[in-house]
């Protein structure tokens, strides 16, 4: 495609694309409250959080004996490895996350604490004095969703997931990138690269061209089969638009889309995952991801050695009524991720697939009565057979709002791990070398620790 392809040149490096590997980004839209997801469990820290979040704990009915936030009902995490940074403190998950607690204690899941956008390492004093460059438009939903996905505020057009696929494709000309970036939604800037665009596979599987495959659109009469065939041939032509370079590119893109859609639907018809997923929005999305991974060796997907998926769940902007809204969100996440793990074990692909969470931001340590407000850093989960599971990386902050771990106003957790360090650790496992990581993650060189160690 002359006009568009001329705008998308890239340089080859040396990504390792041998074997199959996939990343699955689970985006938690709205900003999940990390402080109400990973709770302190030792008595001193728990009581301190109870004091700091008196309103929220009351909303949960803490002290009733049946509240999911009563200490006796929390599920303790049993980390291994270097627990020195925890300072003797213990942590736990609420019971709605019991499947994730099991994954953690079984070694299939790790926690990375205090992750958020940073330009360079930043202390509370530097933040308050504005003496270091800071990410733009902190605490804004749209901008921080974009920053997590693209490392730029709303309007940025390339995501680091897309850049990772670009690098892999540049390193291996035989890599099939048609189905390398797959979203469960209509679009995802996270998966947009210079040379790769996200391919949409909605929950329930791909859709074929309705006007051709839905026999009621033209006529169910067999006499119209030839008409349907002629229409399909016309729609996938790539030689229309003569006289206009732009029209030719558009026609070529339409043709490519139709052909790819048909090929993918043919392959997906042979998807063979038996694991049952919860009938929830996230469950259906991860079911589609699992079934897509199951067809990675079909003829249509030959050479698709690297894939990145994007799925999402909303409802985390809990300014109010958090005690009634967050537990159901937790249950949906835990049930779907647990089923996804089982499906990957069924396919023999658990060591080749890594699922990680991302979110706009964490939330304020100080509650507002029965909810929490926009924060900065948050804690995240990483699950997979190649994850250094049952370990906690990064920083799980104290429950003291006066601590230098938080901003002076509202108890917003200051990141100690940048999104780019988090992404680089995933990208290194995915196969990218240091040069490619620096190309995809422009601020990575500002941090001395490029690999957080949570991937084997």
Foldseek 3Di string as FASTA:
>chain_A
DPPLVVQQDDAADAFDLPFFFEEEEAEEAQAFAQCQFKDWQPPVQNVLLCVQAVLQCVLQVAPPVPGLSPSVQWAWFDFDDDCVQVVPITITGGVLQVLVSVCQNVQFKEKEWQEFAALFFDFQVCVVVVVDDGAPPAQDRQQLVCCLQCVGGPPDQAGLLLLLVVRVCSHPVLADQQAAEEEQDPADSSNDDSPHGYDHAHQVGADADCCQPVCVNVHVDPVCNVVSVVVLVVQLDQPPPPPDPVSSVVSNVRNVNNVLSVLRRVLLVPQDFPQDFDPDRLLSRLVRVLSSVSSCPPPSNPNNRHHYYYYYDYDNSPLAPCSPGVSVVSNNVSRNVSSSCVRCVVSVNQQRYKYKYHYSAHFFSRHPNNTTGGAGTHMMMMGGPQFSGSHYFHHDDGSDLVDRQAHVPRHHGHGPHYSLLVVLQVSVVSGDDPVSSCVSRVSLVSDPRSHRPGGD
